[in-house]
Amino acid sequence: MKVLVTGHKGFIGQNLCKAIHEEGWDLTTFDIIDNPSLRPKDLDFTDVDVVVHLGAISSTTETDIRKIMDLNLSWSIEMFEECKSRNINMQFASSASVYGNRYRRPMKEDDHCSPLNYYAMSKYLFEEYVNKCSHTNGVQIFRYFNVYGQNEDHKGSQASPYTQFAKQAKETGVIKVFKGSEKFMRDFVHVDRVVEVHIKSIKSINEFSGGTYNVGSGYARSFLDVARDVALLYNATIETIPFPENLKQHYQYYTQANISKLESIVSVYG
């Protein structure tokens, strides 16, 4: 088995590549930060069985729409077309951000989507492109919910609340949460679970059907609950700060994954 991973230097990419090495598979990688001019057609696909396309601008506050639509949408479409022409299986990292704020219940893959920012829109538009193709070569689209875990320290303000709160607790002894955080609910899923989905689907490459799958825990927790857990662990206090005005129109206040579709294909939460 040979796997090509894009975005291997990122949070999930680092964890996935480690797991691929542990499986003993051949691994080849590419990250756009190493060579911004390269396009998918320039990559070496020799003997590649699966492409896991994680590479993207992951910041939900990025405002350069041309940059996002090039690297997140156009680049992904080009990768999809390369995989299709070469009969290579592809896994694509999408996001629960595509759902927007329409739901305060477990979200299903066939729910209507209302992206709130350019990042979410780029993911949604790629999904729509694939869904309108008559032949998709069984591409698997994984909508990640709020992933947390090891190797995300470099993400700064885009890191999960678990990592941000732990950093604040260790450095200052004070965890800062937005006003109203008891009502902000998210589905937090550990990166190990996300990696397990990818690994198990690669192992079942001939049985794992294409389509869109939620990858979450199936539970929603408030930001305040997470802050309380971290505060207890580090003996820190919690401070409430005003909610930033610039986030109000683009902030996702609730996510919770319905994971029945994923579990019908591969059990990862046993």
C-alpha atoms as a PDB file:
ATOM      1  CA  MET A   1       0.000   0.000   0.000  1.00  0.00           C
ATOM      2  CA  LYS A   2       1.295   3.432  -0.935  1.00  0.00           C
ATOM      3  CA  VAL A   3      -0.370   6.575   0.407  1.00  0.00           C
ATOM      4  CA  LEU A   4       0.124  10.191  -0.660  1.00  0.00           C
ATOM      5  CA  VAL A   5      -0.742  12.698   2.076  1.00  0.00           C
ATOM      6  CA  THR A   6      -1.039  16.417   1.335  1.00  0.00           C
ATOM      7  CA  GLY A   7      -0.769  18.882   4.217  1.00  0.00           C
ATOM      8  CA  HIS A   8       1.420  16.429   6.125  1.00  0.00           C
ATOM      9  CA  LYS A   9       2.989  19.191   8.225  1.00  0.00           C
ATOM     10  CA  GLY A  10      -0.349  20.212   9.683  1.00  0.00           C
ATOM     11  CA  PHE A  11      -2.018  19.069  12.889  1.00  0.00           C
ATOM     12  CA  ILE A  12      -3.959  16.084  11.528  1.00  0.00           C
ATOM     13  CA  GLY A  13      -1.340  15.363   8.872  1.00  0.00           C
ATOM     14  CA  GLN A  14       1.413  14.795  11.439  1.00  0.00           C
ATOM     15  CA  ASN A  15      -0.740  12.344  13.360  1.00  0.00           C
ATOM     16  CA  LEU A  16      -1.897  10.519  10.241  1.00  0.00           C
ATOM     17  CA  CYS A  17       1.615  10.135   8.824  1.00  0.00           C
ATOM     18  CA  LYS A  18       2.793   8.633  12.122  1.00  0.00           C
ATOM     19  CA  ALA A  19      -0.016   6.063  11.945  1.00  0.00           C
ATOM     20  CA  ILE A  20       0.777   5.240   8.303  1.00  0.00           C
ATOM     21  CA  HIS A  21       4.409   4.596   9.242  1.00  0.00           C
ATOM     22  CA  GLU A  22       3.231   2.311  12.057  1.00  0.00           C
ATOM     23  CA  GLU A  23       1.160   0.337   9.540  1.00  0.00           C
ATOM     24  CA  GLY A  24       4.302  -0.225   7.499  1.00  0.00           C
ATOM     25  CA  TRP A  25       2.851   1.353   4.360  1.00  0.00           C
ATOM     26  CA  ASP A  26       4.826   3.383   1.846  1.00  0.00           C
ATOM     27  CA  LEU A  27       4.265   7.097   2.379  1.00  0.00           C
ATOM     28  CA  THR A  28       4.840  10.078   0.129  1.00  0.00           C
ATOM     29  CA  THR A  29       3.970  13.617   1.178  1.00  0.00           C
ATOM     30  CA  PHE A  30       3.459  17.127  -0.100  1.00  0.00           C
ATOM     31  CA  ASP A  31       2.834  20.423   1.646  1.00  0.00           C
ATOM     32  CA  ILE A  32       2.117  23.603  -0.293  1.00  0.00           C
ATOM     33  CA  ILE A  33       4.324  25.635   2.052  1.00  0.00           C
ATOM     34  CA  ASP A  34       7.348  23.772   0.657  1.00  0.00           C
ATOM     35  CA  ASN A  35       6.623  24.683  -2.963  1.00  0.00           C
ATOM     36  CA  PRO A  36       3.724  27.130  -3.490  1.00  0.00           C
ATOM     37  CA  SER A  37       3.992  26.940  -7.282  1.00  0.00           C
ATOM     38  CA  LEU A  38       3.356  23.200  -7.582  1.00  0.00           C
ATOM     39  CA  ARG A  39      -0.049  21.933  -8.704  1.00  0.00           C
ATOM     40  CA  PRO A  40      -1.404  18.385  -8.412  1.00  0.00           C
ATOM     41  CA  LYS A  41      -0.360  17.548 -11.982  1.00  0.00           C
ATOM     42  CA  ASP A  42       3.264  18.152 -10.932  1.00  0.00           C
ATOM     43  CA  LEU A  43       3.242  15.556  -8.133  1.00  0.00           C
ATOM     44  CA  ASP A  44       4.625  12.025  -8.399  1.00  0.00           C
ATOM     45  CA  PHE A  45       1.744   9.526  -8.357  1.00  0.00           C
ATOM     46  CA  THR A  46       3.903   6.479  -9.126  1.00  0.00           C
ATOM     47  CA  ASP A  47       2.344   3.368  -7.510  1.00  0.00           C
ATOM     48  CA  VAL A  48       0.089   5.515  -5.284  1.00  0.00           C
ATOM     49  CA  ASP A  49      -3.041   3.632  -4.132  1.00  0.00           C
ATOM     50  CA  VAL A  50      -4.693   6.320  -2.001  1.00  0.00           C
ATOM     51  CA  VAL A  51      -4.455  10.098  -1.778  1.00  0.00           C
ATOM     52  CA  VAL A  52      -5.450  11.685   1.537  1.00  0.00           C
ATOM     53  CA  HIS A  53      -5.935  15.347   0.714  1.00  0.00           C
ATOM     54  CA  LEU A  54      -5.655  17.315   3.971  1.00  0.00           C
ATOM     55  CA  GLY A  55      -3.818  20.348   2.621  1.00  0.00           C
ATOM     56  CA  ALA A  56      -5.779  23.600   2.877  1.00  0.00           C
ATOM     57  CA  ILE A  57      -5.917  27.039   4.405  1.00  0.00           C
ATOM     58  CA  SER A  58      -7.648  26.000   7.617  1.00  0.00           C
ATOM     59  CA  SER A  59      -8.214  29.409   9.186  1.00  0.00           C
ATOM     60  CA  THR A  60     -11.922  30.205   9.476  1.00  0.00           C
ATOM     61  CA  THR A  61     -11.073  33.918   9.753  1.00  0.00           C
ATOM     62  CA  GLU A  62      -9.028  34.156   6.528  1.00  0.00           C
ATOM     63  CA  THR A  63     -10.453  36.967   4.364  1.00  0.00           C
ATOM     64  CA  ASP A  64      -8.380  36.566   1.181  1.00  0.00           C
ATOM     65  CA  ILE A  65     -11.087  34.892  -0.881  1.00  0.00           C
ATOM     66  CA  ARG A  66      -8.919  34.466  -3.983  1.00  0.00           C
ATOM     67  CA  LYS A  67      -6.253  32.667  -1.993  1.00  0.00           C
ATOM     68  CA  ILE A  68      -8.798  30.385  -0.321  1.00  0.00           C
ATOM     69  CA  MET A  69     -10.648  29.568  -3.515  1.00  0.00           C
ATOM     70  CA  ASP A  70      -7.376  28.766  -5.288  1.00  0.00           C
ATOM     71  CA  LEU A  71      -5.713  26.622  -2.631  1.00  0.00           C
ATOM     72  CA  ASN A  72      -8.830  25.110  -1.046  1.00  0.00           C
ATOM     73  CA  LEU A  73     -11.133  24.764  -4.043  1.00  0.00           C
ATOM     74  CA  SER A  74      -9.240  24.857  -7.355  1.00  0.00           C
ATOM     75  CA  TRP A  75      -6.277  22.891  -6.004  1.00  0.00           C
ATOM     76  CA  SER A  76      -8.627  20.256  -4.562  1.00  0.00           C
ATOM     77  CA  ILE A  77     -10.572  19.945  -7.821  1.00  0.00           C
ATOM     78  CA  GLU A  78      -7.317  19.489  -9.722  1.00  0.00           C
ATOM     79  CA  MET A  79      -6.269  16.772  -7.260  1.00  0.00           C
ATOM     80  CA  PHE A  80      -9.642  15.073  -7.611  1.00  0.00           C
ATOM     81  CA  GLU A  81      -9.335  15.071 -11.406  1.00  0.00           C
ATOM     82  CA  GLU A  82      -5.798  13.661 -11.239  1.00  0.00           C
ATOM     83  CA  CYS A  83      -6.970  10.848  -8.952  1.00  0.00           C
ATOM     84  CA  LYS A  84      -9.956  10.128 -11.157  1.00  0.00           C
ATOM     85  CA  SER A  85      -7.873   9.958 -14.337  1.00  0.00           C
ATOM     86  CA  ARG A  86      -5.362   7.637 -12.656  1.00  0.00           C
ATOM     87  CA  ASN A  87      -7.995   5.493 -10.905  1.00  0.00           C
ATOM     88  CA  ILE A  88      -6.569   6.380  -7.476  1.00  0.00           C
ATOM     89  CA  ASN A  89      -8.801   6.412  -4.404  1.00  0.00           C
ATOM     90  CA  MET A  90      -9.074   9.805  -2.715  1.00  0.00           C
ATOM     91  CA  GLN A  91     -10.007  10.909   0.796  1.00  0.00           C
ATOM     92  CA  PHE A  92     -10.861  14.583   1.250  1.00  0.00           C
ATOM     93  CA  ALA A  93     -10.823  16.524   4.508  1.00  0.00           C
ATOM     94  CA  SER A  94     -13.979  18.615   4.679  1.00  0.00           C
ATOM     95  CA  SER A  95     -15.506  20.295   7.700  1.00  0.00           C
ATOM     96  CA  ALA A  96     -18.626  20.482   9.856  1.00  0.00           C
ATOM     97  CA  SER A  97     -18.437  24.239   9.274  1.00  0.00           C
ATOM     98  CA  VAL A  98     -20.363  23.647   6.035  1.00  0.00           C
ATOM     99  CA  TYR A  99     -23.548  23.116   8.071  1.00  0.00           C
ATOM    100  CA  GLY A 100     -23.614  26.665   9.418  1.00  0.00           C
ATOM    101  CA  ASN A 101     -26.045  27.610  12.188  1.00  0.00           C
ATOM    102  CA  ARG A 102     -29.241  25.991  10.940  1.00  0.00           C
ATOM    103  CA  TYR A 103     -29.319  23.120  13.423  1.00  0.00           C
ATOM    104  CA  ARG A 104     -29.320  22.524  17.168  1.00  0.00           C
ATOM    105  CA  ARG A 105     -29.515  18.763  16.822  1.00  0.00           C
ATOM    106  CA  PRO A 106     -27.213  16.038  15.473  1.00  0.00           C
ATOM    107  CA  MET A 107     -26.328  16.989  11.921  1.00  0.00           C
ATOM    108  CA  LYS A 108     -26.808  14.494   9.099  1.00  0.00           C
ATOM    109  CA  GLU A 109     -24.806  14.350   5.897  1.00  0.00           C
ATOM    110  CA  ASP A 110     -27.873  15.086   3.761  1.00  0.00           C
ATOM    111  CA  ASP A 111     -28.855  18.187   5.771  1.00  0.00           C
ATOM    112  CA  HIS A 112     -28.918  21.520   3.952  1.00  0.00           C
ATOM    113  CA  CYS A 113     -25.633  23.425   4.274  1.00  0.00           C
ATOM    114  CA  SER A 114     -25.206  27.142   4.979  1.00  0.00           C
ATOM    115  CA  PRO A 115     -21.473  27.972   5.166  1.00  0.00           C
ATOM    116  CA  LEU A 116     -20.707  31.025   7.305  1.00  0.00           C
ATOM    117  CA  ASN A 117     -17.202  31.932   6.080  1.00  0.00           C
ATOM    118  CA  TYR A 118     -14.909  31.609   3.064  1.00  0.00           C
ATOM    119  CA  TYR A 119     -13.184  28.523   4.477  1.00  0.00           C
ATOM    120  CA  ALA A 120     -16.482  26.682   4.918  1.00  0.00           C
ATOM    121  CA  MET A 121     -17.676  27.802   1.491  1.00  0.00           C
ATOM    122  CA  SER A 122     -14.525  26.448  -0.180  1.00  0.00           C
ATOM    123  CA  LYS A 123     -15.114  23.030   1.398  1.00  0.00           C
ATOM    124  CA  TYR A 124     -18.782  23.028   0.451  1.00  0.00           C
ATOM    125  CA  LEU A 125     -18.114  24.016  -3.163  1.00  0.00           C
ATOM    126  CA  PHE A 126     -15.640  21.160  -3.574  1.00  0.00           C
ATOM    127  CA  GLU A 127     -18.219  18.731  -2.211  1.00  0.00           C
ATOM    128  CA  GLU A 128     -20.773  20.084  -4.692  1.00  0.00           C
ATOM    129  CA  TYR A 129     -18.303  19.700  -7.563  1.00  0.00           C
ATOM    130  CA  VAL A 130     -17.730  16.039  -6.684  1.00  0.00           C
ATOM    131  CA  ASN A 131     -21.427  15.339  -6.171  1.00  0.00           C
ATOM    132  CA  LYS A 132     -22.234  16.667  -9.645  1.00  0.00           C
ATOM    133  CA  CYS A 133     -19.684  14.400 -11.338  1.00  0.00           C
ATOM    134  CA  SER A 134     -21.072  11.284 -12.979  1.00  0.00           C
ATOM    135  CA  HIS A 135     -17.941   9.330 -12.048  1.00  0.00           C
ATOM    136  CA  THR A 136     -16.246  10.053  -8.709  1.00  0.00           C
ATOM    137  CA  ASN A 137     -13.964   7.007  -8.385  1.00  0.00           C
ATOM    138  CA  GLY A 138     -15.399   6.447  -4.912  1.00  0.00           C
ATOM    139  CA  VAL A 139     -13.971   9.594  -3.330  1.00  0.00           C
ATOM    140  CA  GLN A 140     -14.581   9.724   0.429  1.00  0.00           C
ATOM    141  CA  ILE A 141     -15.408  13.110   1.933  1.00  0.00           C
ATOM    142  CA  PHE A 142     -14.893  13.318   5.695  1.00  0.00           C
ATOM    143  CA  ARG A 143     -16.547  16.232   7.471  1.00  0.00           C
ATOM    144  CA  TYR A 144     -14.397  16.754  10.548  1.00  0.00           C
ATOM    145  CA  PHE A 145     -16.074  18.243  13.576  1.00  0.00           C
ATOM    146  CA  ASN A 146     -13.949  19.990  16.240  1.00  0.00           C
ATOM    147  CA  VAL A 147     -10.730  17.988  16.264  1.00  0.00           C
ATOM    148  CA  TYR A 148      -8.317  18.278  19.184  1.00  0.00           C
ATOM    149  CA  GLY A 149      -5.205  16.504  20.412  1.00  0.00           C
ATOM    150  CA  GLN A 150      -1.435  16.312  20.126  1.00  0.00           C
ATOM    151  CA  ASN A 151       0.558  18.370  17.589  1.00  0.00           C
ATOM    152  CA  GLU A 152      -1.814  21.345  17.306  1.00  0.00           C
ATOM    153  CA  ASP A 153       0.203  23.823  19.373  1.00  0.00           C
ATOM    154  CA  HIS A 154       1.400  25.620  16.224  1.00  0.00           C
ATOM    155  CA  LYS A 155      -2.173  26.538  15.217  1.00  0.00           C
ATOM    156  CA  GLY A 156      -2.314  29.482  17.624  1.00  0.00           C
ATOM    157  CA  SER A 157      -5.767  31.069  17.747  1.00  0.00           C
ATOM    158  CA  GLN A 158      -7.087  28.340  15.419  1.00  0.00           C
ATOM    159  CA  ALA A 159      -6.187  25.563  17.850  1.00  0.00           C
ATOM    160  CA  SER A 160      -8.952  23.731  19.692  1.00  0.00           C
ATOM    161  CA  PRO A 161     -10.294  25.115  22.993  1.00  0.00           C
ATOM    162  CA  TYR A 162      -8.621  22.196  24.785  1.00  0.00           C
ATOM    163  CA  THR A 163      -5.192  23.304  23.583  1.00  0.00           C
ATOM    164  CA  GLN A 164      -5.803  27.040  23.947  1.00  0.00           C
ATOM    165  CA  PHE A 165      -7.260  26.701  27.446  1.00  0.00           C
ATOM    166  CA  ALA A 166      -4.428  24.418  28.577  1.00  0.00           C
ATOM    167  CA  LYS A 167      -1.840  26.888  27.263  1.00  0.00           C
ATOM    168  CA  GLN A 168      -3.511  29.770  29.115  1.00  0.00           C
ATOM    169  CA  ALA A 169      -3.805  27.739  32.308  1.00  0.00           C
ATOM    170  CA  LYS A 170      -0.149  26.736  32.284  1.00  0.00           C
ATOM    171  CA  GLU A 171       1.179  30.180  31.368  1.00  0.00           C
ATOM    172  CA  THR A 172      -1.085  32.510  33.373  1.00  0.00           C
ATOM    173  CA  GLY A 173      -3.263  30.372  35.630  1.00  0.00           C
ATOM    174  CA  VAL A 174      -6.327  32.018  34.033  1.00  0.00           C
ATOM    175  CA  ILE A 175      -8.557  30.625  31.278  1.00  0.00           C
ATOM    176  CA  LYS A 176     -10.445  33.246  29.263  1.00  0.00           C
ATOM    177  CA  VAL A 177     -13.822  32.304  27.785  1.00  0.00           C
ATOM    178  CA  PHE A 178     -16.249  34.366  25.736  1.00  0.00           C
ATOM    179  CA  LYS A 179     -19.393  35.621  27.399  1.00  0.00           C
ATOM    180  CA  GLY A 180     -22.155  33.109  26.675  1.00  0.00           C
ATOM    181  CA  SER A 181     -19.777  30.145  26.382  1.00  0.00           C
ATOM    182  CA  GLU A 182     -22.172  27.972  28.356  1.00  0.00           C
ATOM    183  CA  LYS A 183     -24.426  28.120  25.272  1.00  0.00           C
ATOM    184  CA  PHE A 184     -21.730  27.553  22.639  1.00  0.00           C
ATOM    185  CA  MET A 185     -21.847  23.808  21.974  1.00  0.00           C
ATOM    186  CA  ARG A 186     -19.410  21.840  19.843  1.00  0.00           C
ATOM    187  CA  ASP A 187     -18.788  18.206  18.974  1.00  0.00           C
ATOM    188  CA  PHE A 188     -15.187  17.611  20.067  1.00  0.00           C
ATOM    189  CA  VAL A 189     -13.438  14.585  18.554  1.00  0.00           C
ATOM    190  CA  HIS A 190      -9.901  13.497  19.375  1.00  0.00           C
ATOM    191  CA  VAL A 191      -7.427  13.391  16.505  1.00  0.00           C
ATOM    192  CA  ASP A 192      -6.743   9.701  17.203  1.00  0.00           C
ATOM    193  CA  ARG A 193     -10.343   8.926  16.197  1.00  0.00           C
ATOM    194  CA  VAL A 194      -9.983  10.931  13.005  1.00  0.00           C
ATOM    195  CA  VAL A 195      -6.784   9.092  12.118  1.00  0.00           C
ATOM    196  CA  GLU A 196      -8.478   5.775  12.881  1.00  0.00           C
ATOM    197  CA  VAL A 197     -11.218   6.578  10.368  1.00  0.00           C
ATOM    198  CA  HIS A 198      -8.640   7.220   7.653  1.00  0.00           C
ATOM    199  CA  ILE A 199      -6.592   4.118   8.465  1.00  0.00           C
ATOM    200  CA  LYS A 200      -9.580   1.778   8.635  1.00  0.00           C
ATOM    201  CA  SER A 201     -11.039   3.130   5.414  1.00  0.00           C
ATOM    202  CA  ILE A 202      -7.702   2.676   3.648  1.00  0.00           C
ATOM    203  CA  LYS A 203      -7.526  -0.911   4.898  1.00  0.00           C
ATOM    204  CA  SER A 204     -11.044  -1.482   3.554  1.00  0.00           C
ATOM    205  CA  ILE A 205     -10.284   0.255   0.283  1.00  0.00           C
ATOM    206  CA  ASN A 206     -12.332  -2.217  -1.772  1.00  0.00           C
ATOM    207  CA  GLU A 207     -15.327  -2.266   0.592  1.00  0.00           C
ATOM    208  CA  PHE A 208     -15.492   1.292   1.953  1.00  0.00           C
ATOM    209  CA  SER A 209     -17.955   3.101  -0.286  1.00  0.00           C
ATOM    210  CA  GLY A 210     -17.503   6.635  -1.491  1.00  0.00           C
ATOM    211  CA  GLY A 211     -19.658   9.448  -0.161  1.00  0.00           C
ATOM    212  CA  THR A 212     -19.783  12.046   2.585  1.00  0.00           C
ATOM    213  CA  TYR A 213     -19.283  11.073   6.219  1.00  0.00           C
ATOM    214  CA  ASN A 214     -19.424  13.002   9.484  1.00  0.00           C
ATOM    215  CA  VAL A 215     -16.389  12.406  11.698  1.00  0.00           C
ATOM    216  CA  GLY A 216     -17.236  13.461  15.232  1.00  0.00           C
ATOM    217  CA  SER A 217     -17.920  12.065  18.675  1.00  0.00           C
ATOM    218  CA  GLY A 218     -21.702  12.261  18.400  1.00  0.00           C
ATOM    219  CA  TYR A 219     -21.882  14.471  21.498  1.00  0.00           C
ATOM    220  CA  ALA A 220     -21.998  18.241  22.017  1.00  0.00           C
ATOM    221  CA  ARG A 221     -20.228  19.983  24.905  1.00  0.00           C
ATOM    222  CA  SER A 222     -20.131  23.640  25.824  1.00  0.00           C
ATOM    223  CA  PHE A 223     -16.936  25.684  25.735  1.00  0.00           C
ATOM    224  CA  LEU A 224     -17.507  26.477  29.404  1.00  0.00           C
ATOM    225  CA  ASP A 225     -17.587  22.767  30.294  1.00  0.00           C
ATOM    226  CA  VAL A 226     -14.283  22.279  28.507  1.00  0.00           C
ATOM    227  CA  ALA A 227     -12.801  25.287  30.329  1.00  0.00           C
ATOM    228  CA  ARG A 228     -13.939  23.870  33.665  1.00  0.00           C
ATOM    229  CA  ASP A 229     -12.310  20.507  32.936  1.00  0.00           C
ATOM    230  CA  VAL A 230      -9.021  22.137  31.971  1.00  0.00           C
ATOM    231  CA  ALA A 231      -9.162  24.536  34.923  1.00  0.00           C
ATOM    232  CA  LEU A 232      -9.604  21.612  37.301  1.00  0.00           C
ATOM    233  CA  LEU A 233      -6.656  19.799  35.750  1.00  0.00           C
ATOM    234  CA  TYR A 234      -4.297  22.796  36.074  1.00  0.00           C
ATOM    235  CA  ASN A 235      -5.839  24.434  39.160  1.00  0.00           C
ATOM    236  CA  ALA A 236      -6.647  27.530  37.096  1.00  0.00           C
ATOM    237  CA  THR A 237      -9.411  30.108  37.324  1.00  0.00           C
ATOM    238  CA  ILE A 238     -11.895  31.105  34.593  1.00  0.00           C
ATOM    239  CA  GLU A 239     -12.445  34.657  33.393  1.00  0.00           C
ATOM    240  CA  THR A 240     -15.246  35.818  31.094  1.00  0.00           C
ATOM    241  CA  ILE A 241     -14.383  38.245  28.287  1.00  0.00           C
ATOM    242  CA  PRO A 242     -16.640  40.025  25.733  1.00  0.00           C
ATOM    243  CA  PHE A 243     -17.508  38.174  22.545  1.00  0.00           C
ATOM    244  CA  PRO A 244     -15.609  39.767  19.589  1.00  0.00           C
ATOM    245  CA  GLU A 245     -17.865  41.796  17.314  1.00  0.00           C
ATOM    246  CA  ASN A 246     -16.024  40.636  14.175  1.00  0.00           C
ATOM    247  CA  LEU A 247     -16.938  37.000  14.851  1.00  0.00           C
ATOM    248  CA  LYS A 248     -20.664  37.343  15.476  1.00  0.00           C
ATOM    249  CA  GLN A 249     -21.840  36.931  11.881  1.00  0.00           C
ATOM    250  CA  HIS A 250     -19.463  34.087  11.054  1.00  0.00           C
ATOM    251  CA  TYR A 251     -19.414  32.078  14.279  1.00  0.00           C
ATOM    252  CA  GLN A 252     -20.814  28.569  14.487  1.00  0.00           C
ATOM    253  CA  TYR A 253     -22.626  28.288  17.803  1.00  0.00           C
ATOM    254  CA  TYR A 254     -23.552  24.599  17.714  1.00  0.00           C
ATOM    255  CA  THR A 255     -22.241  21.387  16.173  1.00  0.00           C
ATOM    256  CA  GLN A 256     -23.102  17.783  16.875  1.00  0.00           C
ATOM    257  CA  ALA A 257     -22.458  14.921  14.486  1.00  0.00           C
ATOM    258  CA  ASN A 258     -24.860  12.178  13.593  1.00  0.00           C
ATOM    259  CA  ILE A 259     -22.276   9.428  13.032  1.00  0.00           C
ATOM    260  CA  SER A 260     -24.637   6.580  12.127  1.00  0.00           C
ATOM    261  CA  LYS A 261     -23.613   6.656   8.455  1.00  0.00           C
ATOM    262  CA  LEU A 262     -19.920   6.356   9.275  1.00  0.00           C
ATOM    263  CA  GLU A 263     -20.498   3.611  11.838  1.00  0.00           C
ATOM    264  CA  SER A 264     -22.544   1.634   9.330  1.00  0.00           C
ATOM    265  CA  ILE A 265     -19.354   1.347   7.266  1.00  0.00           C
ATOM    266  CA  VAL A 266     -16.599   1.169   9.872  1.00  0.00           C
ATOM    267  CA  SER A 267     -16.801   0.963  13.656  1.00  0.00           C
ATOM    268  CA  VAL A 268     -14.405   3.416  15.285  1.00  0.00           C
ATOM    269  CA  TYR A 269     -16.177   4.286  18.491  1.00  0.00           C
ATOM    270  CA  GLY A 270     -16.354   0.888  20.155  1.00  0.00           C
END
